[in-house]
Amino acid sequence: MLNLSIVLEDSARNTPDGTAIVFGDMRLPYSMIDTVANQVANLLVSRGIGEGDKVALACPNLPYFPFVYFGILKAGATVVPLNVLLQSREITYHLDDSDAKALFCFEGSPELPLGRRGREGFEAAEGCEHFFVLPATPLATESEHGESFWAALDGMSPTFETVQTAPDDTAVILYTSGTTGRPKGAELTHQNMLMNALVSDRMFPSDEGKDTYLAVLPLFHSFGQTTVMNTGFLRGATVVLMPRFDPAEALEIMVKEKVTFFAGVPTMYWAMLTKIHADGVAKPDTLRVAVAGGASSPVEVLKDFEQTFGIGILEGYGLSETSPVASFNQLGRPTKPGTVGTPIWGVEMKLIDSDWKTVEGEGPGEIAIRGHNIMKGYYGRPEASAEVMRDGWFRTGDIATRDADGYYSIIDRAKDMIIRGGFNVYPREVEEVMMTHEGVSLAAVVGVPHGSHGEEVKAYVIRTPGSELTEDELIAWCKQMMAAYKYPRIIEFRDTLPMTATGKILKRELR
């Protein structure tokens, strides 16, 4: 028997008074996180939700996230974390696709009207029966969007006997588009997620109970969820929550809270260094481990960080489908800047060609991964799962080389994926939405280099004959139809697009 909620329960038993979560002036002990999670589990059971049911959670990095996440797991149900930038029609799609029975949704703010979007998305999802609002005002028992979390928990018992799930029961469904079209849910088991947290914990030495993690990577993403929240809770660390990244604020929190562990995407490191150099902002002297993933870090940033902070950034690699960590530049081995290191304990990697044949030597080839971190498959999509999984191996779609010491370097992201500010943007999904506009005949979306976001989303568009559509009109329309990180900020109208003989758009000529 195995349940991922053990990472919280064990620390709540061993250090009940230890600070689990810091959020602004709030400091919440492990015992409280565990108690509220028990109440959430009791709430779900009282509404007829239990083993094997799916429960969606749309929430930024707030104390609500661990309350609900671990409550769902304790009840034996599966957590479906949703990106908080999704529009209502996208929320409906995720609820329908995952067969979610309930949605816990943060109320949001004027800038991020998540409560309204969540409610609209919920109303349109046929099988989803329960909607709980996580109010923006602490402990508020009413919300215009529906039943308040705190009102629902009223009278729920603070104790709960955690459901004994099997190691390969699904703990989490993480949505990813891979390289094609609509998002698919990667089913990750209790064992996948727990092993990934255990191995991450083992890779980075602990400071016996004095570890402080800064959680600015979204917890609804696998990177923040596994390497920050789950690993932090596993070792009884303090996790400082930051809902939105701001470089000056992040540095200030690091100094104030004596942060020892930071995980981020390369653009976050770049922004913090820029702030230190430009404004002379104080830098923390407590940082012991800095890890990066999500995209390759520019070597200049790696060098600058090491000179400024006195420690190197350890780069790693993984995907939602691999829970996520697959390889890392590990302490105790030489770090090679610009590489994603070597496979983590219990995981194998190799290079393959398009026919799954092994590529010897340094490659290049497509990375394939096998081990305890590989998902069960894509939820409800046996064909899509069969395309990427064979004999325990998962093919990533990422092209890499490998040096004589077994260190891997990513040379090309999966097909044409764009990484904007650490978020994956899948061109085909954007193109398909754009082409529903009556003024758009054809769209090709590519990533173009951008100073602070890494890449910006650009669309080349052929208008329908007679259309007078302007760039500004189309951008405004896209903004209404898509999450904020997805819609194209740059649009270029063309009469033709470069194509192959078979009619495939040659994106490499557009970049």
Protein backbone atom coordinates (compact mmCIF):
# COMPACT_ATOMS: atom_id res chain seq x y z
CA MET A 1 0.00 0.00 0.00
CA LEU A 2 1.27 3.43 -0.86
CA ASN A 3 -0.28 6.92 -0.79
CA LEU A 4 1.61 10.05 -1.81
CA SER A 5 -0.01 11.93 1.11
CA ILE A 6 2.56 10.20 3.35
CA VAL A 7 5.00 13.03 2.51
CA LEU A 8 2.73 15.35 4.52
CA GLU A 9 1.50 12.88 7.16
CA ASP A 10 4.96 11.70 8.17
CA SER A 11 6.24 15.25 8.71
CA ALA A 12 3.03 16.17 10.57
CA ARG A 13 3.68 13.23 12.94
CA ASN A 14 7.41 13.90 13.37
CA THR A 15 7.39 17.72 13.53
CA PRO A 16 3.78 18.81 14.15
CA ASP A 17 4.87 22.32 15.17
CA GLY A 18 7.44 22.74 12.39
CA THR A 19 6.54 25.49 9.91
CA ALA A 20 5.33 23.87 6.69
CA ILE A 21 4.07 26.91 4.78
CA VAL A 22 4.96 30.58 4.87
CA PHE A 23 2.68 32.92 2.93
CA GLY A 24 3.19 36.63 3.57
CA ASP A 25 2.81 37.01 7.34
CA MET A 26 1.11 33.63 7.68
CA ARG A 27 3.13 30.74 9.12
CA LEU A 28 1.30 27.42 9.08
CA PRO A 29 2.59 24.35 10.97
CA TYR A 30 2.59 20.82 9.50
CA SER A 31 -0.14 19.75 11.96
CA MET A 32 -2.51 22.39 10.54
CA ILE A 33 -1.89 21.52 6.87
CA ASP A 34 -2.59 17.88 7.73
CA THR A 35 -5.75 18.73 9.71
CA VAL A 36 -7.28 20.84 6.94
CA ALA A 37 -6.35 18.15 4.38
CA ASN A 38 -8.22 15.63 6.59
CA GLN A 39 -11.27 17.90 6.56
CA VAL A 40 -11.07 18.13 2.75
CA ALA A 41 -10.94 14.32 2.56
CA ASN A 42 -14.00 14.08 4.84
CA LEU A 43 -15.80 16.68 2.70
CA LEU A 44 -15.14 14.69 -0.48
CA VAL A 45 -16.34 11.43 1.10
CA SER A 46 -19.48 13.20 2.39
CA ARG A 47 -20.23 14.21 -1.22
CA GLY A 48 -19.78 10.67 -2.49
CA ILE A 49 -16.29 11.19 -3.94
CA GLY A 50 -13.66 8.59 -3.20
CA GLU A 51 -11.27 6.02 -4.59
CA GLY A 52 -10.47 6.48 -8.25
CA ASP A 53 -12.59 9.62 -8.70
CA LYS A 54 -10.96 12.66 -10.29
CA VAL A 55 -10.98 16.07 -8.60
CA ALA A 56 -9.69 19.20 -10.33
CA LEU A 57 -7.82 21.99 -8.58
CA ALA A 58 -7.30 25.45 -10.11
CA CYS A 59 -5.23 27.48 -7.68
CA PRO A 60 -2.04 29.55 -7.71
CA ASN A 61 0.68 29.11 -5.07
CA LEU A 62 -1.46 29.69 -1.99
CA PRO A 63 -1.91 27.62 1.21
CA TYR A 64 -5.12 26.26 -0.36
CA PHE A 65 -3.05 24.26 -2.81
CA PRO A 66 -1.53 21.77 -0.31
CA PHE A 67 -4.76 21.69 1.75
CA VAL A 68 -6.75 20.48 -1.25
CA TYR A 69 -4.03 18.48 -3.04
CA PHE A 70 -3.33 16.25 -0.02
CA GLY A 71 -7.02 16.08 0.95
CA ILE A 72 -7.86 14.65 -2.47
CA LEU A 73 -5.03 12.10 -2.17
CA LYS A 74 -6.08 11.06 1.35
CA ALA A 75 -9.58 10.31 0.03
CA GLY A 76 -8.03 7.93 -2.50
CA ALA A 77 -9.04 10.23 -5.37
CA THR A 78 -6.87 11.62 -8.17
CA VAL A 79 -5.75 15.27 -8.32
CA VAL A 80 -6.15 17.07 -11.65
CA PRO A 81 -4.21 20.36 -11.29
CA LEU A 82 -5.22 23.05 -13.80
CA ASN A 83 -3.18 25.95 -15.09
CA VAL A 84 -4.66 29.08 -13.51
CA LEU A 85 -4.42 31.01 -16.80
CA LEU A 86 -6.92 28.80 -18.64
CA GLN A 87 -10.03 30.42 -20.10
CA SER A 88 -13.47 28.98 -19.27
CA ARG A 89 -13.79 26.90 -22.46
CA GLU A 90 -10.35 25.39 -21.74
CA ILE A 91 -11.41 24.59 -18.16
CA THR A 92 -14.51 22.79 -19.51
CA TYR A 93 -12.30 20.73 -21.83
CA HIS A 94 -10.03 19.61 -18.95
CA LEU A 95 -12.96 18.77 -16.65
CA ASP A 96 -14.68 16.72 -19.40
CA ASP A 97 -11.51 15.02 -20.58
CA SER A 98 -10.44 13.94 -17.07
CA ASP A 99 -13.97 12.92 -15.96
CA ALA A 100 -13.57 15.25 -12.96
CA LYS A 101 -16.38 14.96 -10.38
CA ALA A 102 -15.49 18.18 -8.57
CA LEU A 103 -13.53 21.41 -9.04
CA PHE A 104 -11.85 23.42 -6.29
CA CYS A 105 -11.29 26.85 -7.80
CA PHE A 106 -9.57 29.94 -6.44
CA GLU A 107 -11.81 33.01 -6.52
CA GLY A 108 -9.17 35.05 -8.28
CA SER A 109 -8.66 38.77 -8.55
CA PRO A 110 -9.64 41.59 -10.91
CA GLU A 111 -6.51 40.82 -13.00
CA LEU A 112 -7.13 37.08 -12.91
CA PRO A 113 -10.90 36.38 -12.80
CA LEU A 114 -10.35 32.68 -12.14
CA GLY A 115 -13.53 32.27 -10.07
CA ARG A 116 -15.74 33.47 -12.90
CA ARG A 117 -13.88 31.44 -15.53
CA GLY A 118 -13.94 28.37 -13.30
CA ARG A 119 -17.67 28.70 -12.65
CA GLU A 120 -18.44 29.09 -16.37
CA GLY A 121 -16.16 26.16 -17.19
CA PHE A 122 -17.83 24.03 -14.50
CA GLU A 123 -21.36 24.90 -15.70
CA ALA A 124 -20.52 23.66 -19.20
CA ALA A 125 -18.89 20.40 -18.00
CA GLU A 126 -21.63 17.78 -17.86
CA GLY A 127 -20.14 15.21 -15.49
CA CYS A 128 -18.68 17.63 -12.95
CA GLU A 129 -21.04 17.77 -9.96
CA HIS A 130 -19.39 19.87 -7.25
CA PHE A 131 -17.86 23.35 -7.32
CA PHE A 132 -15.98 24.70 -4.31
CA VAL A 133 -14.69 28.27 -4.25
CA LEU A 134 -11.36 28.98 -2.55
CA PRO A 135 -12.10 32.56 -1.41
CA ALA A 136 -9.59 35.37 -1.92
CA THR A 137 -10.49 36.78 1.51
CA PRO A 138 -9.05 34.45 4.19
CA LEU A 139 -11.74 32.32 5.90
CA ALA A 140 -14.63 33.97 3.98
CA THR A 141 -17.70 31.71 4.11
CA GLU A 142 -19.47 33.24 1.12
CA SER A 143 -18.60 33.82 -2.52
CA GLU A 144 -20.56 35.12 -5.48
CA HIS A 145 -19.28 32.17 -7.51
CA GLY A 146 -20.65 29.33 -5.38
CA GLU A 147 -20.09 27.30 -2.23
CA SER A 148 -17.19 28.60 -0.14
CA PHE A 149 -14.45 26.15 0.84
CA TRP A 150 -14.65 27.26 4.49
CA ALA A 151 -18.43 26.92 4.67
CA ALA A 152 -18.17 23.44 3.13
CA LEU A 153 -15.53 22.38 5.69
CA ASP A 154 -17.64 23.57 8.63
CA GLY A 155 -18.35 20.63 10.93
CA MET A 156 -15.97 18.28 9.03
CA SER A 157 -13.89 16.08 11.32
CA PRO A 158 -10.19 16.99 11.62
CA THR A 159 -9.22 13.31 11.56
CA PHE A 160 -9.36 10.95 8.62
CA GLU A 161 -8.13 7.44 7.96
CA THR A 162 -6.21 7.78 4.70
CA VAL A 163 -7.41 5.45 1.96
CA GLN A 164 -4.86 2.74 1.25
CA THR A 165 -4.11 3.17 -2.43
CA ALA A 166 -1.99 0.75 -4.46
CA PRO A 167 1.41 1.90 -5.78
CA ASP A 168 0.15 2.02 -9.33
CA ASP A 169 -3.15 3.75 -8.63
CA THR A 170 -3.22 7.18 -10.28
CA ALA A 171 -2.31 10.01 -7.89
CA VAL A 172 -2.18 12.92 -10.31
CA ILE A 173 -3.22 13.63 -13.90
CA LEU A 174 -1.00 16.34 -15.37
CA TYR A 175 -2.11 17.89 -18.63
CA THR A 176 0.42 18.30 -21.42
CA SER A 177 -0.03 18.78 -25.14
CA GLY A 178 3.07 16.88 -26.12
CA THR A 179 3.60 18.02 -29.67
CA THR A 180 0.14 17.54 -31.05
CA GLY A 181 -3.10 19.40 -30.71
CA ARG A 182 -5.26 19.19 -27.66
CA PRO A 183 -3.87 18.67 -24.17
CA LYS A 184 -3.61 15.08 -22.91
CA GLY A 185 -3.59 13.98 -19.28
CA ALA A 186 -0.46 12.09 -18.19
CA GLU A 187 -1.48 9.61 -15.49
CA LEU A 188 1.13 9.54 -12.75
CA THR A 189 0.90 6.95 -10.01
CA HIS A 190 1.50 7.25 -6.28
CA GLN A 191 4.75 5.34 -6.85
CA ASN A 192 5.83 7.62 -9.76
CA MET A 193 5.34 10.75 -7.68
CA LEU A 194 6.71 9.39 -4.40
CA MET A 195 9.84 7.92 -6.00
CA ASN A 196 10.51 11.19 -7.81
CA ALA A 197 10.28 13.11 -4.53
CA LEU A 198 12.46 10.55 -2.72
CA VAL A 199 15.16 10.64 -5.40
CA SER A 200 15.04 14.45 -5.56
CA ASP A 201 15.42 14.52 -1.77
CA ARG A 202 18.41 12.18 -1.96
CA MET A 203 20.11 14.26 -4.66
CA PHE A 204 20.26 17.46 -2.63
CA PRO A 205 21.73 17.30 0.88
CA SER A 206 19.38 18.34 3.66
CA ASP A 207 20.23 20.77 6.44
CA GLU A 208 18.47 18.67 9.11
CA GLY A 209 15.17 20.49 9.49
CA LYS A 210 16.54 23.91 8.55
CA ASP A 211 15.71 23.75 4.86
CA THR A 212 13.67 26.58 3.43
CA TYR A 213 12.31 26.29 -0.11
CA LEU A 214 11.00 29.16 -2.19
CA ALA A 215 7.99 27.97 -4.20
CA VAL A 216 7.57 30.35 -7.11
CA LEU A 217 7.32 27.71 -9.82
CA PRO A 218 3.59 27.00 -10.17
CA LEU A 219 2.53 24.07 -8.00
CA PHE A 220 0.07 23.04 -10.74
CA HIS A 221 3.16 22.19 -12.88
CA SER A 222 5.08 18.99 -12.26
CA PHE A 223 8.39 20.79 -11.60
CA GLY A 224 7.10 22.90 -8.70
CA GLN A 225 4.85 20.13 -7.42
CA THR A 226 7.54 17.44 -7.17
CA THR A 227 10.83 19.22 -6.57
CA VAL A 228 9.51 21.96 -4.30
CA MET A 229 6.26 21.01 -2.53
CA ASN A 230 6.49 17.22 -2.33
CA THR A 231 10.25 17.07 -1.73
CA GLY A 232 10.05 19.96 0.72
CA PHE A 233 7.24 18.31 2.69
CA LEU A 234 9.00 14.94 2.57
CA ARG A 235 12.01 16.38 4.39
CA GLY A 236 9.97 18.56 6.77
CA ALA A 237 11.25 21.78 5.23
CA THR A 238 9.57 25.18 5.27
CA VAL A 239 8.01 26.05 1.92
CA VAL A 240 7.61 29.76 1.23
CA LEU A 241 4.82 30.38 -1.28
CA MET A 242 5.01 33.08 -3.93
CA PRO A 243 2.02 33.27 -6.30
CA ARG A 244 3.70 35.48 -8.91
CA PHE A 245 7.35 35.80 -9.72
CA ASP A 246 8.84 39.24 -9.30
CA PRO A 247 12.66 39.34 -9.19
CA ALA A 248 13.00 42.05 -6.51
CA GLU A 249 10.34 40.44 -4.32
CA ALA A 250 11.88 36.97 -4.75
CA LEU A 251 15.29 38.25 -3.62
CA GLU A 252 13.73 40.10 -0.70
CA ILE A 253 11.89 36.95 0.45
CA MET A 254 15.06 34.87 0.08
CA VAL A 255 16.93 37.24 2.39
CA LYS A 256 14.06 37.60 4.88
CA GLU A 257 13.18 33.89 5.12
CA LYS A 258 16.79 32.62 4.78
CA VAL A 259 15.92 30.49 1.76
CA THR A 260 18.31 27.56 1.19
CA PHE A 261 16.75 25.96 -1.92
CA PHE A 262 15.52 27.65 -5.08
CA ALA A 263 14.14 26.02 -8.21
CA GLY A 264 13.29 28.10 -11.23
CA VAL A 265 13.25 28.42 -14.98
CA PRO A 266 16.19 30.19 -16.66
CA THR A 267 14.33 33.47 -17.18
CA MET A 268 13.82 33.77 -13.39
CA TYR A 269 17.58 33.53 -12.80
CA TRP A 270 18.18 36.05 -15.57
CA ALA A 271 15.66 38.49 -14.06
CA MET A 272 17.13 38.21 -10.53
CA LEU A 273 20.70 38.75 -11.77
CA THR A 274 19.58 41.75 -13.85
CA LYS A 275 17.94 43.22 -10.72
CA ILE A 276 21.05 42.69 -8.57
CA HIS A 277 23.36 44.28 -11.15
CA ALA A 278 21.06 47.16 -12.14
CA ASP A 279 19.64 48.17 -8.75
CA GLY A 280 22.18 46.75 -6.33
CA VAL A 281 19.46 44.70 -4.62
CA ALA A 282 20.74 42.64 -1.68
CA LYS A 283 21.40 39.01 -2.50
CA PRO A 284 20.75 36.13 -0.08
CA ASP A 285 23.75 34.42 1.49
CA THR A 286 21.83 31.36 2.70
CA LEU A 287 21.18 29.75 -0.72
CA ARG A 288 22.79 26.32 -0.88
CA VAL A 289 21.08 24.70 -3.85
CA ALA A 290 19.80 26.31 -7.04
CA VAL A 291 18.21 24.13 -9.70
CA ALA A 292 16.91 24.97 -13.15
CA GLY A 293 14.72 23.17 -15.64
CA GLY A 294 11.95 23.85 -18.13
CA ALA A 295 14.34 25.15 -20.80
CA SER A 296 18.08 25.29 -21.40
CA SER A 297 19.86 27.99 -19.40
CA PRO A 298 22.04 30.38 -21.38
CA VAL A 299 25.65 29.63 -20.39
CA GLU A 300 26.21 33.36 -19.72
CA VAL A 301 23.48 33.24 -17.06
CA LEU A 302 25.08 30.15 -15.46
CA LYS A 303 28.46 31.90 -15.28
CA ASP A 304 27.02 35.13 -13.95
CA PHE A 305 25.00 33.31 -11.28
CA GLU A 306 28.00 31.38 -10.02
CA GLN A 307 30.10 34.57 -9.82
CA THR A 308 27.31 36.46 -8.06
CA PHE A 309 25.96 33.82 -5.67
CA GLY A 310 29.03 31.64 -5.17
CA ILE A 311 27.14 28.47 -6.11
CA GLY A 312 26.38 26.95 -9.49
CA ILE A 313 22.95 26.33 -10.97
CA LEU A 314 22.28 22.61 -11.31
CA GLU A 315 20.38 21.93 -14.52
CA GLY A 316 18.02 19.04 -14.98
CA TYR A 317 15.57 17.66 -17.47
CA GLY A 318 12.20 16.02 -17.39
CA LEU A 319 8.62 16.14 -18.63
CA SER A 320 5.16 15.87 -17.12
CA GLU A 321 5.18 12.26 -18.38
CA THR A 322 8.30 11.51 -16.28
CA SER A 323 6.97 12.82 -12.92
CA PRO A 324 9.00 15.05 -13.96
CA VAL A 325 12.69 14.60 -13.08
CA ALA A 326 14.64 12.31 -15.45
CA SER A 327 18.21 13.62 -15.42
CA PHE A 328 20.23 16.12 -13.41
CA ASN A 329 23.63 17.62 -12.86
CA GLN A 330 24.05 15.93 -9.51
CA LEU A 331 26.05 17.05 -6.52
CA GLY A 332 29.12 14.88 -5.98
CA ARG A 333 29.68 14.63 -9.74
CA PRO A 334 31.26 17.26 -11.96
CA THR A 335 28.70 19.78 -13.15
CA LYS A 336 28.73 20.45 -16.87
CA PRO A 337 27.07 23.78 -17.66
CA GLY A 338 24.82 23.61 -20.68
CA THR A 339 24.04 19.91 -20.15
CA VAL A 340 21.06 18.36 -18.36
CA GLY A 341 23.37 15.98 -16.53
CA THR A 342 22.99 12.23 -16.16
CA PRO A 343 19.93 10.05 -15.44
CA ILE A 344 18.74 10.13 -11.82
CA TRP A 345 18.87 7.01 -9.61
CA GLY A 346 16.66 4.21 -10.92
CA VAL A 347 16.20 5.76 -14.36
CA GLU A 348 17.79 4.92 -17.72
CA MET A 349 18.11 7.13 -20.76
CA LYS A 350 19.17 6.39 -24.31
CA LEU A 351 19.10 7.98 -27.75
CA ILE A 352 16.88 6.47 -30.44
CA ASP A 353 15.98 7.13 -34.08
CA SER A 354 12.46 7.52 -35.46
CA ASP A 355 12.07 3.71 -35.60
CA TRP A 356 12.96 3.25 -31.90
CA LYS A 357 16.41 1.86 -32.85
CA THR A 358 19.16 2.74 -30.39
CA VAL A 359 21.61 5.42 -31.51
CA GLU A 360 25.13 4.66 -30.24
CA GLY A 361 27.81 7.20 -29.43
CA GLU A 362 27.10 10.86 -29.05
CA GLY A 363 24.11 11.09 -31.37
CA PRO A 364 22.14 13.21 -31.98
CA GLY A 365 19.04 11.16 -31.31
CA GLU A 366 15.69 11.39 -29.59
CA ILE A 367 15.78 10.86 -25.83
CA ALA A 368 13.97 7.75 -24.59
CA ILE A 369 13.54 7.14 -20.85
CA ARG A 370 12.73 4.08 -18.75
CA GLY A 371 12.30 3.76 -14.99
CA HIS A 372 10.11 4.36 -11.94
CA ASN A 373 9.21 7.84 -13.21
CA ILE A 374 7.36 6.89 -16.40
CA MET A 375 3.62 7.61 -16.47
CA LYS A 376 0.97 4.88 -16.82
CA GLY A 377 -0.15 6.49 -20.06
CA TYR A 378 -2.37 9.30 -21.29
CA TYR A 379 -5.78 9.17 -19.60
CA GLY A 380 -8.38 7.69 -21.95
CA ARG A 381 -6.00 7.72 -24.93
CA PRO A 382 -4.57 4.25 -25.56
CA GLU A 383 -3.45 5.11 -29.12
CA ALA A 384 -1.55 8.22 -28.06
CA SER A 385 0.05 6.22 -25.22
CA ALA A 386 1.09 3.42 -27.57
CA GLU A 387 2.78 5.93 -29.88
CA VAL A 388 5.16 7.13 -27.18
CA MET A 389 5.58 4.00 -25.02
CA ARG A 390 7.22 0.70 -25.87
CA ASP A 391 8.69 -2.02 -23.61
CA GLY A 392 8.73 0.38 -20.69
CA TRP A 393 10.52 3.08 -22.68
CA PHE A 394 8.96 6.50 -23.21
CA ARG A 395 10.04 8.56 -26.23
CA THR A 396 10.22 12.25 -25.41
CA GLY A 397 10.31 13.95 -28.80
CA ASP A 398 13.37 15.88 -27.59
CA ILE A 399 16.56 15.66 -29.61
CA ALA A 400 19.84 15.49 -27.69
CA THR A 401 23.51 14.56 -27.83
CA ARG A 402 25.43 12.60 -25.17
CA ASP A 403 29.10 13.02 -24.29
CA ALA A 404 31.63 10.34 -23.35
CA ASP A 405 30.74 10.69 -19.64
CA GLY A 406 27.04 10.10 -20.30
CA TYR A 407 25.92 13.72 -19.90
CA TYR A 408 23.01 14.69 -22.14
CA SER A 409 22.54 18.05 -23.91
CA ILE A 410 19.19 19.02 -25.44
CA ILE A 411 19.63 20.49 -28.91
CA ASP A 412 16.07 20.84 -30.11
CA ARG A 413 12.83 20.99 -28.22
CA ALA A 414 10.14 18.57 -29.17
CA LYS A 415 9.26 19.45 -32.72
CA ASP A 416 8.14 23.08 -32.61
CA MET A 417 7.12 23.70 -29.03
CA ILE A 418 7.52 27.26 -27.77
CA ILE A 419 8.58 27.93 -24.18
CA ARG A 420 7.35 31.36 -23.16
CA GLY A 421 8.32 32.44 -19.64
CA GLY A 422 8.60 28.80 -18.58
CA PHE A 423 5.16 27.83 -19.95
CA ASN A 424 4.87 25.40 -22.82
CA VAL A 425 2.97 26.77 -25.79
CA TYR A 426 1.98 24.31 -28.49
CA PRO A 427 1.77 26.04 -31.88
CA ARG A 428 -0.79 23.67 -33.28
CA GLU A 429 -3.25 24.38 -30.49
CA VAL A 430 -2.90 28.14 -31.05
CA GLU A 431 -3.18 27.71 -34.83
CA GLU A 432 -6.34 25.66 -34.52
CA VAL A 433 -8.02 28.32 -32.38
CA MET A 434 -6.88 31.14 -34.70
CA MET A 435 -8.27 29.36 -37.71
CA THR A 436 -11.74 29.44 -36.19
CA HIS A 437 -11.70 33.21 -36.83
CA GLU A 438 -13.60 33.98 -40.02
CA GLY A 439 -10.89 36.40 -41.18
CA VAL A 440 -8.09 33.81 -40.89
CA SER A 441 -7.44 31.42 -43.74
CA LEU A 442 -4.19 29.89 -42.51
CA ALA A 443 -1.97 30.40 -39.48
CA ALA A 444 1.53 29.24 -38.66
CA VAL A 445 2.75 29.87 -35.13
CA VAL A 446 6.43 29.90 -34.18
CA GLY A 447 8.55 31.01 -31.26
CA VAL A 448 10.81 34.00 -31.77
CA PRO A 449 13.61 34.93 -29.35
CA HIS A 450 12.59 37.33 -26.59
CA GLY A 451 14.83 39.08 -24.06
CA SER A 452 12.97 38.23 -20.85
CA HIS A 453 10.43 35.51 -21.74
CA GLY A 454 12.94 33.32 -23.62
CA GLU A 455 10.57 33.06 -26.54
CA GLU A 456 7.59 35.06 -27.75
CA VAL A 457 4.64 33.65 -29.68
CA LYS A 458 4.46 34.92 -33.27
CA ALA A 459 1.81 34.04 -35.83
CA TYR A 460 2.10 34.27 -39.59
CA VAL A 461 -1.38 34.63 -41.00
CA ILE A 462 -2.93 34.41 -44.45
CA ARG A 463 -6.25 36.29 -44.37
CA THR A 464 -9.42 34.98 -45.98
CA PRO A 465 -10.04 36.73 -49.34
CA GLY A 466 -11.66 40.12 -48.83
CA SER A 467 -10.93 40.23 -45.11
CA GLU A 468 -9.85 43.63 -43.71
CA LEU A 469 -8.73 42.11 -40.38
CA THR A 470 -5.97 44.11 -38.66
CA GLU A 471 -3.15 42.86 -36.46
CA ASP A 472 -4.54 44.59 -33.37
CA GLU A 473 -8.03 43.16 -33.90
CA LEU A 474 -6.72 39.64 -34.28
CA ILE A 475 -4.43 39.92 -31.24
CA ALA A 476 -7.36 41.22 -29.15
CA TRP A 477 -9.55 38.35 -30.34
CA CYS A 478 -6.86 35.76 -29.55
CA LYS A 479 -6.49 37.27 -26.07
CA GLN A 480 -10.18 36.56 -25.45
CA MET A 481 -9.94 32.99 -26.71
CA MET A 482 -6.73 31.74 -25.09
CA ALA A 483 -4.81 31.68 -21.83
CA ALA A 484 -2.59 34.73 -21.34
CA TYR A 485 0.65 32.85 -21.96
CA LYS A 486 -0.54 31.32 -25.24
CA TYR A 487 -1.91 34.03 -27.44
CA PRO A 488 0.39 35.54 -30.11
CA ARG A 489 1.78 38.97 -29.27
CA ILE A 490 3.16 39.44 -32.80
CA ILE A 491 1.17 38.86 -35.99
CA GLU A 492 2.51 39.17 -39.51
CA PHE A 493 0.15 38.95 -42.47
CA ARG A 494 1.48 37.16 -45.55
CA ASP A 495 0.09 36.23 -48.93
CA THR A 496 1.84 32.84 -48.92
CA LEU A 497 3.73 30.63 -46.47
CA PRO A 498 6.76 28.46 -47.33
CA MET A 499 5.70 24.82 -47.73
CA THR A 500 7.01 21.39 -48.56
CA ALA A 501 5.75 19.44 -51.57
CA THR A 502 3.23 17.68 -49.34
CA GLY A 503 1.88 21.01 -48.07
CA LYS A 504 3.55 21.07 -44.67
CA ILE A 505 4.46 24.56 -43.57
CA LEU A 506 8.24 24.96 -43.28
CA LYS A 507 8.41 26.55 -39.86
CA ARG A 508 12.18 26.63 -39.76
CA GLU A 509 12.04 29.16 -42.63
CA LEU A 510 9.66 31.37 -40.66
CA ARG A 511 11.68 31.54 -37.44
